[in-house]
Amino acid sequence: MSFTLAAKELHLTQSAVSHRIKNLEKQLGFNLFLRFNRNIELTTEGKQLLSSIGHFLHTLNVTIQDIRHQDISGHLTLSAPASFSINWLAPRLGQLKAIHPKLSIAVETPNNLRDFLTENVDAAIYYGAGKYPGLYAKN
């Protein structure tokens, strides 16, 4: 586990990843990693957070892989928090677009959950309890 490997996957510098992790830890109010000379290790809190979001990230990645194998065209509007969109989703959208050049993709980064009944949003990615009336939520 290293910030350098994360930086390569996210197409960022190691320093940028390190700063973003520090800012995230500051916002959360606890450390996610124990830092050693050339190594990092998840804290207990980091392990707990990974446990709760790890399955979701795996499911999202599998879904993206499934989409890659379909001939898709049209328009897809996604809604997700800005930090998730910038750090995880955006680096992967180029690959999706390369595989499905006929697909038009828009990403919205609202401050609150979108109203699927009145707004043109195809899918949303949010972290929470998954209790959204009238919507299908997968944990």
N, C-alpha and C. Protein backbone atom coordinates (compact mmCIF):
# COMPACT_ATOMS: atom_id res chain seq x y z
N MET A 1 0.86 -1.17 0.00
CA MET A 1 0.00 0.00 0.00
C MET A 1 0.90 1.23 0.00
N SER A 2 0.65 2.14 -0.96
CA SER A 2 1.45 3.36 -1.00
C SER A 2 0.72 4.48 -1.73
N PHE A 3 1.05 5.70 -1.37
CA PHE A 3 0.48 6.85 -2.06
C PHE A 3 1.00 6.92 -3.49
N THR A 4 2.20 6.41 -3.72
CA THR A 4 2.78 6.42 -5.07
C THR A 4 1.94 5.56 -6.01
N LEU A 5 1.55 4.37 -5.58
CA LEU A 5 0.71 3.50 -6.41
C LEU A 5 -0.66 4.13 -6.63
N ALA A 6 -1.21 4.73 -5.59
CA ALA A 6 -2.51 5.41 -5.72
C ALA A 6 -2.40 6.56 -6.72
N ALA A 7 -1.30 7.30 -6.66
CA ALA A 7 -1.09 8.41 -7.58
C ALA A 7 -1.06 7.94 -9.03
N LYS A 8 -0.38 6.82 -9.27
CA LYS A 8 -0.33 6.29 -10.64
C LYS A 8 -1.72 5.92 -11.13
N GLU A 9 -2.52 5.28 -10.29
CA GLU A 9 -3.87 4.87 -10.69
C GLU A 9 -4.77 6.08 -10.94
N LEU A 10 -4.59 7.14 -10.16
CA LEU A 10 -5.43 8.33 -10.27
C LEU A 10 -4.87 9.36 -11.25
N HIS A 11 -3.70 9.08 -11.82
CA HIS A 11 -3.04 10.00 -12.75
C HIS A 11 -2.75 11.34 -12.07
N LEU A 12 -2.23 11.25 -10.84
CA LEU A 12 -1.84 12.42 -10.06
C LEU A 12 -0.41 12.22 -9.58
N THR A 13 0.16 13.26 -8.99
CA THR A 13 1.47 13.11 -8.37
C THR A 13 1.30 12.51 -6.98
N GLN A 14 2.38 11.93 -6.48
CA GLN A 14 2.34 11.36 -5.13
C GLN A 14 2.06 12.46 -4.12
N SER A 15 2.63 13.63 -4.33
CA SER A 15 2.43 14.76 -3.43
C SER A 15 0.96 15.18 -3.41
N ALA A 16 0.32 15.20 -4.57
CA ALA A 16 -1.10 15.58 -4.64
C ALA A 16 -1.96 14.59 -3.86
N VAL A 17 -1.68 13.31 -4.01
CA VAL A 17 -2.44 12.30 -3.27
C VAL A 17 -2.23 12.47 -1.78
N SER A 18 -0.99 12.66 -1.38
CA SER A 18 -0.67 12.84 0.04
C SER A 18 -1.41 14.05 0.62
N HIS A 19 -1.42 15.16 -0.11
CA HIS A 19 -2.12 16.36 0.36
C HIS A 19 -3.63 16.12 0.44
N ARG A 20 -4.19 15.42 -0.54
CA ARG A 20 -5.63 15.16 -0.52
C ARG A 20 -6.00 14.24 0.64
N ILE A 21 -5.15 13.27 0.92
CA ILE A 21 -5.42 12.38 2.05
C ILE A 21 -5.35 13.17 3.36
N LYS A 22 -4.35 14.04 3.49
CA LYS A 22 -4.24 14.87 4.69
C LYS A 22 -5.47 15.75 4.87
N ASN A 23 -5.94 16.36 3.76
CA ASN A 23 -7.14 17.19 3.82
C ASN A 23 -8.37 16.37 4.20
N LEU A 24 -8.48 15.17 3.64
CA LEU A 24 -9.59 14.28 3.97
C LEU A 24 -9.56 13.91 5.46
N GLU A 25 -8.37 13.57 5.95
CA GLU A 25 -8.22 13.23 7.37
C GLU A 25 -8.62 14.41 8.25
N LYS A 26 -8.26 15.60 7.83
CA LYS A 26 -8.62 16.80 8.59
C LYS A 26 -10.14 16.97 8.62
N GLN A 27 -10.80 16.76 7.46
CA GLN A 27 -12.26 16.87 7.40
C GLN A 27 -12.94 15.80 8.24
N LEU A 28 -12.40 14.58 8.20
CA LEU A 28 -12.99 13.48 8.95
C LEU A 28 -12.76 13.60 10.45
N GLY A 29 -11.64 14.22 10.82
CA GLY A 29 -11.31 14.36 12.24
C GLY A 29 -10.53 13.19 12.79
N PHE A 30 -10.02 12.33 11.93
CA PHE A 30 -9.19 11.21 12.35
C PHE A 30 -8.26 10.79 11.22
N ASN A 31 -7.15 10.15 11.59
CA ASN A 31 -6.18 9.68 10.60
C ASN A 31 -6.66 8.38 9.97
N LEU A 32 -6.42 8.26 8.67
CA LEU A 32 -6.73 7.03 7.95
C LEU A 32 -5.52 6.12 7.86
N PHE A 33 -4.32 6.71 7.93
CA PHE A 33 -3.09 5.95 7.73
C PHE A 33 -2.08 6.22 8.83
N LEU A 34 -1.30 5.20 9.14
CA LEU A 34 -0.09 5.35 9.93
C LEU A 34 1.03 5.50 8.92
N ARG A 35 1.86 6.50 9.08
CA ARG A 35 2.92 6.78 8.11
C ARG A 35 4.27 6.37 8.69
N PHE A 36 4.99 5.58 7.92
CA PHE A 36 6.34 5.16 8.27
C PHE A 36 7.29 5.70 7.21
N ASN A 37 8.60 5.42 7.33
CA ASN A 37 9.58 5.97 6.39
C ASN A 37 9.19 5.77 4.93
N ARG A 38 8.98 4.55 4.50
CA ARG A 38 8.65 4.27 3.10
C ARG A 38 7.40 3.40 2.98
N ASN A 39 6.56 3.48 3.98
CA ASN A 39 5.40 2.61 4.00
C ASN A 39 4.24 3.31 4.70
N ILE A 40 3.04 2.93 4.35
CA ILE A 40 1.85 3.39 5.06
C ILE A 40 1.02 2.18 5.44
N GLU A 41 0.22 2.37 6.46
CA GLU A 41 -0.64 1.28 6.94
C GLU A 41 -1.95 1.91 7.40
N LEU A 42 -3.06 1.24 7.12
CA LEU A 42 -4.35 1.75 7.55
C LEU A 42 -4.46 1.75 9.07
N THR A 43 -5.05 2.81 9.61
CA THR A 43 -5.38 2.84 11.04
C THR A 43 -6.63 1.98 11.24
N THR A 44 -7.01 1.79 12.48
CA THR A 44 -8.25 1.06 12.77
C THR A 44 -9.43 1.75 12.10
N GLU A 45 -9.47 3.08 12.18
CA GLU A 45 -10.54 3.84 11.54
C GLU A 45 -10.49 3.70 10.02
N GLY A 46 -9.28 3.71 9.47
CA GLY A 46 -9.13 3.53 8.03
C GLY A 46 -9.62 2.17 7.57
N LYS A 47 -9.32 1.15 8.36
CA LYS A 47 -9.80 -0.21 8.04
C LYS A 47 -11.32 -0.27 8.10
N GLN A 48 -11.90 0.39 9.09
CA GLN A 48 -13.36 0.40 9.24
C GLN A 48 -14.01 1.09 8.04
N LEU A 49 -13.45 2.22 7.62
CA LEU A 49 -13.99 2.94 6.47
C LEU A 49 -13.83 2.13 5.19
N LEU A 50 -12.67 1.51 5.00
CA LEU A 50 -12.45 0.67 3.83
C LEU A 50 -13.44 -0.48 3.79
N SER A 51 -13.72 -1.05 4.94
CA SER A 51 -14.67 -2.16 5.01
C SER A 51 -16.05 -1.72 4.54
N SER A 52 -16.43 -0.50 4.90
CA SER A 52 -17.78 -0.05 4.53
C SER A 52 -17.88 0.41 3.08
N ILE A 53 -16.81 0.93 2.48
CA ILE A 53 -16.91 1.40 1.10
C ILE A 53 -16.23 0.48 0.10
N GLY A 54 -15.44 -0.47 0.56
CA GLY A 54 -14.71 -1.36 -0.35
C GLY A 54 -15.62 -2.15 -1.26
N HIS A 55 -16.72 -2.69 -0.71
CA HIS A 55 -17.66 -3.48 -1.52
C HIS A 55 -18.30 -2.60 -2.59
N PHE A 56 -18.66 -1.38 -2.20
CA PHE A 56 -19.26 -0.45 -3.15
C PHE A 56 -18.31 -0.16 -4.31
N LEU A 57 -17.05 0.14 -4.01
CA LEU A 57 -16.09 0.45 -5.07
C LEU A 57 -15.88 -0.75 -5.98
N HIS A 58 -15.86 -1.95 -5.40
CA HIS A 58 -15.73 -3.16 -6.21
C HIS A 58 -16.93 -3.32 -7.14
N THR A 59 -18.13 -3.12 -6.59
CA THR A 59 -19.35 -3.24 -7.39
C THR A 59 -19.36 -2.22 -8.52
N LEU A 60 -18.95 -0.99 -8.23
CA LEU A 60 -18.90 0.04 -9.26
C LEU A 60 -17.91 -0.33 -10.35
N ASN A 61 -16.76 -0.86 -9.97
CA ASN A 61 -15.75 -1.27 -10.94
C ASN A 61 -16.27 -2.41 -11.81
N VAL A 62 -16.95 -3.39 -11.21
CA VAL A 62 -17.52 -4.51 -11.97
C VAL A 62 -18.57 -3.99 -12.94
N THR A 63 -19.39 -3.03 -12.50
CA THR A 63 -20.40 -2.46 -13.38
C THR A 63 -19.76 -1.76 -14.57
N ILE A 64 -18.71 -1.02 -14.33
CA ILE A 64 -17.99 -0.36 -15.42
C ILE A 64 -17.44 -1.39 -16.39
N GLN A 65 -16.89 -2.48 -15.86
CA GLN A 65 -16.38 -3.55 -16.73
C GLN A 65 -17.51 -4.17 -17.56
N ASP A 66 -18.67 -4.38 -16.96
CA ASP A 66 -19.82 -4.92 -17.70
C ASP A 66 -20.24 -3.98 -18.82
N ILE A 67 -20.27 -2.70 -18.53
CA ILE A 67 -20.66 -1.71 -19.53
C ILE A 67 -19.68 -1.72 -20.70
N ARG A 68 -18.43 -1.94 -20.42
CA ARG A 68 -17.42 -1.97 -21.48
C ARG A 68 -17.72 -3.01 -22.55
N HIS A 69 -18.42 -4.05 -22.18
CA HIS A 69 -18.68 -5.13 -23.11
C HIS A 69 -20.00 -4.97 -23.85
N GLN A 70 -20.64 -3.84 -23.73
CA GLN A 70 -21.90 -3.57 -24.42
C GLN A 70 -21.69 -2.47 -25.46
N ASP A 71 -22.47 -2.51 -26.53
CA ASP A 71 -22.44 -1.44 -27.52
C ASP A 71 -23.47 -0.40 -27.10
N ILE A 72 -23.02 0.63 -26.45
CA ILE A 72 -23.91 1.60 -25.84
C ILE A 72 -23.81 2.94 -26.54
N SER A 73 -24.96 3.56 -26.74
CA SER A 73 -25.00 4.92 -27.25
C SER A 73 -26.06 5.68 -26.46
N GLY A 74 -26.14 6.96 -26.66
CA GLY A 74 -27.12 7.77 -25.95
C GLY A 74 -26.44 8.70 -24.96
N HIS A 75 -27.18 9.07 -23.93
CA HIS A 75 -26.68 10.02 -22.94
C HIS A 75 -26.81 9.43 -21.54
N LEU A 76 -25.78 9.58 -20.74
CA LEU A 76 -25.75 9.10 -19.36
C LEU A 76 -25.42 10.27 -18.45
N THR A 77 -26.29 10.55 -17.49
CA THR A 77 -26.04 11.61 -16.51
C THR A 77 -25.84 10.97 -15.15
N LEU A 78 -24.67 11.21 -14.56
CA LEU A 78 -24.33 10.68 -13.24
C LEU A 78 -24.30 11.83 -12.24
N SER A 79 -24.66 11.54 -11.02
CA SER A 79 -24.61 12.51 -9.95
C SER A 79 -23.79 11.92 -8.81
N ALA A 80 -22.78 12.65 -8.35
CA ALA A 80 -21.90 12.16 -7.29
C ALA A 80 -21.24 13.34 -6.60
N PRO A 81 -20.80 13.15 -5.36
CA PRO A 81 -20.08 14.22 -4.67
C PRO A 81 -18.83 14.63 -5.45
N ALA A 82 -18.49 15.90 -5.37
CA ALA A 82 -17.36 16.44 -6.13
C ALA A 82 -16.06 15.69 -5.84
N SER A 83 -15.76 15.43 -4.58
CA SER A 83 -14.49 14.77 -4.24
C SER A 83 -14.41 13.38 -4.85
N PHE A 84 -15.50 12.63 -4.83
CA PHE A 84 -15.53 11.30 -5.43
C PHE A 84 -15.41 11.41 -6.95
N SER A 85 -16.12 12.36 -7.53
CA SER A 85 -16.09 12.54 -8.98
C SER A 85 -14.69 12.89 -9.47
N ILE A 86 -14.03 13.77 -8.76
CA ILE A 86 -12.69 14.21 -9.17
C ILE A 86 -11.65 13.12 -8.93
N ASN A 87 -11.69 12.51 -7.77
CA ASN A 87 -10.62 11.58 -7.38
C ASN A 87 -10.78 10.17 -7.89
N TRP A 88 -12.00 9.70 -8.09
CA TRP A 88 -12.18 8.31 -8.50
C TRP A 88 -12.89 8.18 -9.84
N LEU A 89 -13.99 8.87 -10.01
CA LEU A 89 -14.81 8.69 -11.20
C LEU A 89 -14.16 9.29 -12.46
N ALA A 90 -13.73 10.53 -12.39
CA ALA A 90 -13.20 11.21 -13.58
C ALA A 90 -12.04 10.46 -14.24
N PRO A 91 -11.07 9.95 -13.48
CA PRO A 91 -9.98 9.22 -14.15
C PRO A 91 -10.45 7.98 -14.92
N ARG A 92 -11.59 7.45 -14.59
CA ARG A 92 -12.09 6.24 -15.25
C ARG A 92 -13.05 6.53 -16.41
N LEU A 93 -13.57 7.73 -16.47
CA LEU A 93 -14.53 8.05 -17.52
C LEU A 93 -13.90 8.06 -18.91
N GLY A 94 -12.64 8.41 -19.00
CA GLY A 94 -11.95 8.39 -20.29
C GLY A 94 -11.92 7.00 -20.88
N GLN A 95 -11.69 6.01 -20.04
CA GLN A 95 -11.68 4.62 -20.51
C GLN A 95 -13.06 4.22 -21.00
N LEU A 96 -14.09 4.60 -20.27
CA LEU A 96 -15.46 4.28 -20.66
C LEU A 96 -15.79 4.94 -21.99
N LYS A 97 -15.39 6.19 -22.16
CA LYS A 97 -15.65 6.93 -23.40
C LYS A 97 -14.89 6.32 -24.56
N ALA A 98 -13.68 5.84 -24.31
CA ALA A 98 -12.89 5.21 -25.38
C ALA A 98 -13.54 3.93 -25.87
N ILE A 99 -14.15 3.20 -24.97
CA ILE A 99 -14.80 1.94 -25.32
C ILE A 99 -16.16 2.19 -25.97
N HIS A 100 -16.84 3.24 -25.53
CA HIS A 100 -18.18 3.56 -26.04
C HIS A 100 -18.20 5.00 -26.55
N PRO A 101 -17.59 5.25 -27.70
CA PRO A 101 -17.50 6.62 -28.21
C PRO A 101 -18.86 7.26 -28.52
N LYS A 102 -19.89 6.45 -28.71
CA LYS A 102 -21.23 6.99 -29.00
C LYS A 102 -21.97 7.44 -27.74
N LEU A 103 -21.42 7.14 -26.58
CA LEU A 103 -22.06 7.48 -25.32
C LEU A 103 -21.65 8.88 -24.87
N SER A 104 -22.64 9.71 -24.63
CA SER A 104 -22.41 11.05 -24.10
C SER A 104 -22.56 10.96 -22.57
N ILE A 105 -21.56 11.46 -21.84
CA ILE A 105 -21.55 11.32 -20.38
C ILE A 105 -21.49 12.70 -19.73
N ALA A 106 -22.37 12.93 -18.77
CA ALA A 106 -22.34 14.16 -17.98
C ALA A 106 -22.27 13.77 -16.50
N VAL A 107 -21.47 14.50 -15.75
CA VAL A 107 -21.35 14.25 -14.31
C VAL A 107 -21.75 15.53 -13.58
N GLU A 108 -22.72 15.39 -12.70
CA GLU A 108 -23.16 16.51 -11.87
C GLU A 108 -22.61 16.32 -10.46
N THR A 109 -22.26 17.42 -9.81
CA THR A 109 -21.72 17.34 -8.45
C THR A 109 -22.53 18.25 -7.51
N PRO A 110 -23.79 17.90 -7.28
CA PRO A 110 -24.63 18.73 -6.41
C PRO A 110 -24.25 18.56 -4.94
N ASN A 111 -24.73 19.48 -4.13
CA ASN A 111 -24.48 19.39 -2.69
C ASN A 111 -25.50 18.51 -1.97
N ASN A 112 -26.54 18.08 -2.70
CA ASN A 112 -27.55 17.23 -2.07
C ASN A 112 -28.02 16.19 -3.07
N LEU A 113 -28.79 15.24 -2.60
CA LEU A 113 -29.31 14.17 -3.44
C LEU A 113 -30.26 14.73 -4.49
N ARG A 114 -30.10 14.27 -5.72
CA ARG A 114 -30.94 14.73 -6.82
C ARG A 114 -32.32 14.09 -6.74
N ASP A 115 -33.31 14.77 -7.28
CA ASP A 115 -34.67 14.23 -7.37
C ASP A 115 -34.80 13.51 -8.71
N PHE A 116 -34.80 12.20 -8.67
CA PHE A 116 -34.83 11.40 -9.89
C PHE A 116 -36.15 11.52 -10.64
N LEU A 117 -37.21 11.91 -9.95
CA LEU A 117 -38.52 12.01 -10.60
C LEU A 117 -38.65 13.29 -11.43
N THR A 118 -37.99 14.35 -11.01
CA THR A 118 -38.14 15.63 -11.70
C THR A 118 -36.87 16.09 -12.42
N GLU A 119 -35.74 15.47 -12.15
CA GLU A 119 -34.48 15.88 -12.77
C GLU A 119 -33.94 14.78 -13.66
N ASN A 120 -33.18 15.15 -14.64
CA ASN A 120 -32.65 14.20 -15.61
C ASN A 120 -31.33 13.61 -15.11
N VAL A 121 -31.43 12.66 -14.19
CA VAL A 121 -30.27 11.97 -13.64
C VAL A 121 -30.49 10.47 -13.80
N ASP A 122 -29.52 9.79 -14.41
CA ASP A 122 -29.66 8.35 -14.64
C ASP A 122 -29.20 7.51 -13.45
N ALA A 123 -28.15 7.96 -12.78
CA ALA A 123 -27.60 7.22 -11.65
C ALA A 123 -26.90 8.19 -10.71
N ALA A 124 -26.88 7.83 -9.44
CA ALA A 124 -26.22 8.66 -8.44
C ALA A 124 -25.35 7.78 -7.56
N ILE A 125 -24.25 8.34 -7.13
CA ILE A 125 -23.33 7.64 -6.25
C ILE A 125 -23.20 8.48 -4.98
N TYR A 126 -23.71 7.95 -3.88
CA TYR A 126 -23.66 8.65 -2.60
C TYR A 126 -23.28 7.69 -1.51
N TYR A 127 -22.65 8.21 -0.48
CA TYR A 127 -22.33 7.42 0.69
C TYR A 127 -23.37 7.74 1.75
N GLY A 128 -24.00 6.70 2.26
CA GLY A 128 -25.00 6.92 3.29
C GLY A 128 -25.65 5.62 3.69
N ALA A 129 -26.73 5.72 4.41
CA ALA A 129 -27.42 4.54 4.92
C ALA A 129 -28.17 3.78 3.83
N GLY A 130 -28.35 4.38 2.67
CA GLY A 130 -29.04 3.70 1.58
C GLY A 130 -30.54 3.72 1.70
N LYS A 131 -31.06 4.63 2.50
CA LYS A 131 -32.51 4.73 2.68
C LYS A 131 -33.00 5.97 1.93
N TYR A 132 -33.28 5.78 0.66
CA TYR A 132 -33.73 6.85 -0.20
C TYR A 132 -35.10 6.45 -0.76
N PRO A 133 -36.19 6.99 -0.22
CA PRO A 133 -37.53 6.58 -0.62
C PRO A 133 -37.73 6.66 -2.14
N GLY A 134 -38.27 5.59 -2.69
CA GLY A 134 -38.57 5.53 -4.12
C GLY A 134 -37.39 5.20 -5.00
N LEU A 135 -36.21 4.99 -4.41
CA LEU A 135 -35.01 4.71 -5.19
C LEU A 135 -34.44 3.35 -4.82
N TYR A 136 -33.76 2.74 -5.77
CA TYR A 136 -33.04 1.49 -5.52
C TYR A 136 -31.66 1.86 -5.03
N ALA A 137 -31.27 1.36 -3.90
CA ALA A 137 -29.94 1.62 -3.34
C ALA A 137 -29.25 0.29 -3.10
N LYS A 138 -27.98 0.22 -3.49
CA LYS A 138 -27.21 -1.00 -3.29
C LYS A 138 -26.07 -0.69 -2.33
N ASN A 139 -25.97 -1.48 -1.29
CA ASN A 139 -24.91 -1.30 -0.29
C ASN A 139 -23.80 -2.29 -0.54
